[in-house]
Amino acid sequence: MNIRQDLESVAPHITRLLSIGLEFHNHDKDWSHLKNQEDFKFIYRVPSHDRYKVEMVYSTGRDMARYMGDYLLEINTDYGRFPTLNSIIEHFKESWVYGGYSPEILSEARKTCTAHGVELWSVERMIQLFQRQENLLKAVRSTFEMLKRSDLYKEENGEIIVKNEKGINLSGISGSSININSAGATATVTTSYLQPAVFDELIAAVRAQGFDKKTEGELLNNVESLATGHKEGRFQEAYKQFMQDVSAHITVFSPVLAGLASLLQ
């Protein structure tokens, strides 16, 4: 996949966004199939005054797939709409990426079908498809956060990227090493980073719950992102995102939260 030249410095992240856009585009076809080729035609069994609660899964999910599929794929080609990296990130601030729909939409659909004794294979598959799209939205949010830390984004927003006047550039600064590049020489200064034990405790807390593989994997990924944030010196931001991402399972981490919060000091 060829990335436009002005975005080459952040090509891996742009490639991810384009791949997610293609996935959304494919989902649009799935929505059409589930509505027109499966048992969704029997949705009339749900009384008309409640039917919209189930139909909202389809209408919202398909609108999301179309919007995200179209606009994510256009970031690599539509210079008029997306002339800069900053314009890409700004465009999606008011989009599905950050909400715009009721968080109860799936639970309401399930409760409505149960209340009226209606069981449709297509509706359950629509709910699962909607959940996959929510995971894709989470990946888009994460990618945007990484792009905001790029030199390209900082330069576009007027931030100065500091470089040594004698031709020595400091790059790859992390909790473990600093790459020093000079004319004809490259050196790496290694520093020690000892990961706090609380991150191992978070992992143990997740694995002790006996979650299904999908839930356990998502929570472990949340912990990994948090640990990476601490290592890279952006723990406060990572902590805030972590608390949002695991809010539905926060009781799992209750015994460890005090130790985790102490890292904020």
Protein backbone atom coordinates (compact mmCIF):
# COMPACT_ATOMS: atom_id res chain seq x y z
CA MET A 1 0.00 0.00 0.00
CA ASN A 2 1.54 3.30 -1.11
CA ILE A 3 1.21 6.11 1.43
CA ARG A 4 1.14 9.70 0.17
CA GLN A 5 4.57 11.29 0.41
CA ASP A 6 3.73 14.05 2.89
CA LEU A 7 2.64 11.38 5.42
CA GLU A 8 5.56 8.99 4.95
CA SER A 9 7.03 9.82 8.38
CA VAL A 10 3.88 8.36 10.01
CA ALA A 11 3.25 5.71 7.35
CA PRO A 12 2.72 2.76 9.76
CA HIS A 13 -0.10 4.58 11.54
CA ILE A 14 -1.70 5.74 8.29
CA THR A 15 -1.51 2.19 6.96
CA ARG A 16 -3.38 0.98 10.03
CA LEU A 17 -6.11 3.58 9.52
CA LEU A 18 -6.48 2.63 5.86
CA SER A 19 -6.72 -1.06 6.75
CA ILE A 20 -9.40 -0.30 9.34
CA GLY A 21 -11.23 1.76 6.73
CA LEU A 22 -11.22 -1.21 4.38
CA GLU A 23 -12.60 -3.40 7.16
CA PHE A 24 -15.46 -0.94 7.74
CA HIS A 25 -16.11 -0.90 4.00
CA ASN A 26 -16.45 -4.69 4.03
CA HIS A 27 -18.79 -4.49 7.02
CA ASP A 28 -21.17 -2.36 4.98
CA LYS A 29 -21.73 -5.39 2.76
CA ASP A 30 -22.31 -7.56 5.84
CA TRP A 31 -25.02 -5.19 7.09
CA SER A 32 -26.79 -5.38 3.74
CA HIS A 33 -26.64 -9.18 3.75
CA LEU A 34 -28.00 -9.49 7.29
CA LYS A 35 -30.90 -7.16 6.56
CA ASN A 36 -31.92 -8.47 3.16
CA GLN A 37 -30.79 -12.09 2.97
CA GLU A 38 -31.49 -13.46 6.47
CA ASP A 39 -34.43 -13.54 8.88
CA PHE A 40 -34.49 -9.80 9.63
CA LYS A 41 -37.70 -9.63 7.56
CA PHE A 42 -39.47 -11.10 10.59
CA ILE A 43 -38.70 -8.00 12.64
CA TYR A 44 -42.42 -7.19 12.31
CA ARG A 45 -42.98 -9.68 15.14
CA VAL A 46 -41.74 -6.96 17.48
CA PRO A 47 -44.64 -4.55 18.15
CA SER A 48 -44.30 -1.30 16.21
CA HIS A 49 -43.99 0.88 19.32
CA ASP A 50 -40.79 -0.98 20.34
CA ARG A 51 -39.47 -2.08 16.96
CA TYR A 52 -37.24 0.97 16.51
CA LYS A 53 -35.10 -0.16 19.47
CA VAL A 54 -34.05 -3.20 17.46
CA GLU A 55 -33.88 -1.47 14.09
CA MET A 56 -31.49 1.10 15.61
CA VAL A 57 -28.77 -1.56 15.72
CA TYR A 58 -28.96 -1.89 11.95
CA SER A 59 -29.36 1.79 11.07
CA THR A 60 -26.65 3.00 13.45
CA GLY A 61 -24.23 0.17 12.68
CA ARG A 62 -24.53 0.54 8.92
CA ASP A 63 -24.24 4.35 9.04
CA MET A 64 -21.08 3.90 11.11
CA ALA A 65 -19.63 1.39 8.64
CA ARG A 66 -20.33 3.61 5.63
CA TYR A 67 -18.96 6.79 7.20
CA MET A 68 -15.81 5.25 8.64
CA GLY A 69 -15.15 3.17 5.55
CA ASP A 70 -15.47 6.12 3.17
CA TYR A 71 -13.56 8.75 5.14
CA LEU A 72 -10.74 6.57 6.46
CA LEU A 73 -9.94 5.39 2.94
CA GLU A 74 -10.00 8.98 1.64
CA ILE A 75 -7.25 10.23 3.98
CA ASN A 76 -4.66 8.83 1.57
CA THR A 77 -6.14 10.38 -1.58
CA ASP A 78 -8.40 13.38 -0.83
CA TYR A 79 -5.96 16.28 -0.42
CA GLY A 80 -8.84 18.77 -0.54
CA ARG A 81 -10.52 17.35 2.55
CA PHE A 82 -7.35 16.14 4.25
CA PRO A 83 -4.44 18.44 3.32
CA THR A 84 -2.51 17.81 6.54
CA LEU A 85 -2.18 15.27 9.34
CA ASN A 86 -3.81 17.77 11.66
CA SER A 87 -6.84 18.04 9.36
CA ILE A 88 -7.23 14.26 9.43
CA ILE A 89 -7.34 14.14 13.21
CA GLU A 90 -9.61 17.19 13.47
CA HIS A 91 -12.09 15.78 10.95
CA PHE A 92 -12.85 12.74 13.11
CA LYS A 93 -13.27 14.64 16.40
CA GLU A 94 -17.03 14.92 15.88
CA SER A 95 -17.43 11.49 14.31
CA TRP A 96 -18.34 7.98 15.38
CA VAL A 97 -14.78 7.60 16.67
CA TYR A 98 -15.70 9.45 19.85
CA GLY A 99 -19.29 8.30 20.32
CA GLY A 100 -22.40 9.93 18.91
CA TYR A 101 -24.73 7.06 19.72
CA SER A 102 -26.38 5.62 22.84
CA PRO A 103 -24.13 3.20 24.73
CA GLU A 104 -27.29 1.23 25.57
CA ILE A 105 -28.26 0.56 21.98
CA LEU A 106 -27.23 -3.12 21.99
CA SER A 107 -28.62 -3.98 25.43
CA GLU A 108 -31.91 -2.26 24.55
CA ALA A 109 -32.25 -4.31 21.37
CA ARG A 110 -31.65 -7.56 23.23
CA LYS A 111 -34.06 -6.65 26.05
CA THR A 112 -36.75 -5.67 23.54
CA CYS A 113 -36.50 -8.95 21.63
CA THR A 114 -36.58 -10.95 24.87
CA ALA A 115 -39.56 -9.01 26.22
CA HIS A 116 -41.61 -9.84 23.12
CA GLY A 117 -40.36 -13.40 22.70
CA VAL A 118 -38.70 -12.67 19.37
CA GLU A 119 -35.49 -14.52 18.53
CA LEU A 120 -33.84 -13.60 15.23
CA TRP A 121 -30.46 -14.94 14.11
CA SER A 122 -29.84 -11.80 12.05
CA VAL A 123 -30.31 -9.47 15.03
CA GLU A 124 -27.80 -11.36 17.16
CA ARG A 125 -25.28 -11.26 14.29
CA MET A 126 -25.90 -7.54 13.87
CA ILE A 127 -25.13 -7.01 17.55
CA GLN A 128 -21.88 -8.95 17.18
CA LEU A 129 -20.97 -6.96 14.06
CA PHE A 130 -21.68 -3.72 15.93
CA GLN A 131 -19.36 -4.82 18.74
CA ARG A 132 -16.57 -5.56 16.23
CA GLN A 133 -16.98 -2.07 14.85
CA GLU A 134 -16.71 -0.60 18.34
CA ASN A 135 -13.38 -2.40 18.73
CA LEU A 136 -12.26 -0.88 15.43
CA LEU A 137 -13.24 2.57 16.69
CA LYS A 138 -11.11 1.98 19.77
CA ALA A 139 -8.17 1.13 17.51
CA VAL A 140 -8.72 4.34 15.54
CA ARG A 141 -8.74 6.41 18.74
CA SER A 142 -5.52 4.75 19.87
CA THR A 143 -3.89 5.43 16.49
CA PHE A 144 -4.87 9.10 16.59
CA GLU A 145 -3.28 9.42 20.03
CA MET A 146 -0.04 7.99 18.68
CA LEU A 147 -0.17 10.35 15.70
CA LYS A 148 -0.54 13.30 18.07
CA ARG A 149 2.84 12.40 19.55
CA SER A 150 4.56 12.38 16.16
CA ASP A 151 7.01 15.09 15.08
CA LEU A 152 4.89 15.79 12.00
CA TYR A 153 1.82 16.59 14.08
CA LYS A 154 3.82 18.75 16.48
CA GLU A 155 5.44 20.69 13.63
CA GLU A 156 2.07 21.30 11.98
CA ASN A 157 0.82 22.75 15.27
CA GLY A 158 3.76 25.09 15.72
CA GLU A 159 5.80 23.07 18.20
CA ILE A 160 9.57 23.27 17.87
CA ILE A 161 11.44 19.98 17.49
CA VAL A 162 14.70 20.48 19.38
CA LYS A 163 17.91 19.37 17.66
CA ASN A 164 21.53 19.94 18.65
CA GLU A 165 23.17 22.73 16.63
CA LYS A 166 26.36 20.68 16.05
CA GLY A 167 24.57 18.07 14.04
CA ILE A 168 23.77 15.75 16.91
CA ASN A 169 20.15 14.63 16.94
CA LEU A 170 18.50 13.04 19.93
CA SER A 171 15.85 10.53 18.91
CA GLY A 172 14.13 7.38 20.07
CA ILE A 173 13.95 8.72 23.61
CA SER A 174 12.16 6.23 25.85
CA GLY A 175 12.39 4.89 29.35
CA SER A 176 15.14 2.51 28.29
CA SER A 177 17.37 4.20 25.71
CA ILE A 178 18.33 7.34 23.80
CA ASN A 179 19.65 7.14 20.25
CA ILE A 180 22.33 9.74 19.52
CA ASN A 181 23.00 10.37 15.83
CA SER A 182 25.92 12.51 14.69
CA ALA A 183 27.83 12.92 11.44
CA GLY A 184 29.50 9.56 10.86
CA ALA A 185 28.59 8.14 14.25
CA THR A 186 25.66 6.58 16.03
CA ALA A 187 25.53 5.65 19.67
CA THR A 188 22.92 4.37 22.05
CA VAL A 189 22.95 5.36 25.69
CA THR A 190 21.07 2.76 27.67
CA THR A 191 19.28 3.70 30.83
CA SER A 192 17.67 1.33 33.26
CA TYR A 193 13.92 1.03 33.47
CA LEU A 194 12.40 -1.16 36.12
CA GLN A 195 8.71 -1.80 35.55
CA PRO A 196 6.71 -1.39 38.77
CA ALA A 197 5.33 -4.65 40.17
CA VAL A 198 1.80 -3.24 40.08
CA PHE A 199 1.56 -4.01 36.35
CA ASP A 200 2.20 -7.71 37.03
CA GLU A 201 -0.51 -7.52 39.68
CA LEU A 202 -2.94 -6.08 37.14
CA ILE A 203 -2.21 -8.95 34.75
CA ALA A 204 -2.66 -11.50 37.52
CA ALA A 205 -5.98 -9.89 38.51
CA VAL A 206 -7.30 -10.26 34.97
CA ARG A 207 -6.20 -13.87 34.56
CA ALA A 208 -7.69 -14.86 37.91
CA GLN A 209 -11.21 -13.97 36.77
CA GLY A 210 -11.69 -16.75 34.23
CA PHE A 211 -12.96 -14.39 31.52
CA ASP A 212 -13.62 -15.64 28.00
CA LYS A 213 -10.61 -15.27 25.68
CA LYS A 214 -11.92 -12.15 23.98
CA THR A 215 -12.58 -10.22 27.20
CA GLU A 216 -9.34 -11.36 28.80
CA GLY A 217 -7.37 -10.38 25.70
CA GLU A 218 -8.90 -6.90 25.60
CA LEU A 219 -8.16 -6.28 29.29
CA LEU A 220 -4.60 -7.52 28.97
CA ASN A 221 -4.12 -5.19 26.01
CA ASN A 222 -5.38 -2.32 28.19
CA VAL A 223 -2.82 -3.21 30.85
CA GLU A 224 -0.05 -3.43 28.25
CA SER A 225 -0.93 0.03 26.91
CA LEU A 226 -0.86 1.40 30.44
CA ALA A 227 2.55 -0.13 31.14
CA THR A 228 3.89 1.25 27.87
CA GLY A 229 2.61 4.70 28.80
CA HIS A 230 4.50 4.52 32.08
CA LYS A 231 7.68 3.42 30.38
CA GLU A 232 7.44 6.22 27.81
CA GLY A 233 6.84 8.91 30.42
CA ARG A 234 3.17 9.62 29.62
CA PHE A 235 1.58 7.69 32.44
CA GLN A 236 -1.02 10.30 33.42
CA GLU A 237 -2.53 10.27 29.93
CA ALA A 238 -2.33 6.47 29.71
CA TYR A 239 -3.91 6.09 33.17
CA LYS A 240 -6.90 8.22 32.17
CA GLN A 241 -7.42 6.17 29.00
CA PHE A 242 -7.03 2.91 30.93
CA MET A 243 -9.71 3.86 33.46
CA GLN A 244 -12.10 4.68 30.63
CA ASP A 245 -11.40 1.47 28.73
CA VAL A 246 -11.83 -0.89 31.72
CA SER A 247 -14.75 0.93 33.37
CA ALA A 248 -17.08 -2.03 32.80
CA HIS A 249 -14.69 -4.32 34.71
CA ILE A 250 -13.23 -1.86 37.21
CA THR A 251 -14.03 -4.10 40.20
CA VAL A 252 -11.47 -6.58 38.88
CA PHE A 253 -8.73 -4.06 39.58
CA SER A 254 -10.05 -2.71 42.90
CA PRO A 255 -7.35 -4.36 45.07
CA VAL A 256 -4.61 -2.85 42.90
CA LEU A 257 -5.97 0.63 42.19
CA ALA A 258 -4.31 2.29 45.19
CA GLY A 259 -0.87 1.10 44.09
CA LEU A 260 -1.62 2.15 40.52
CA ALA A 261 -2.74 5.63 41.55
CA SER A 262 0.47 6.11 43.55
CA LEU A 263 2.39 6.17 40.25
CA LEU A 264 0.62 9.41 39.39
CA GLN A 265 2.53 11.28 42.10
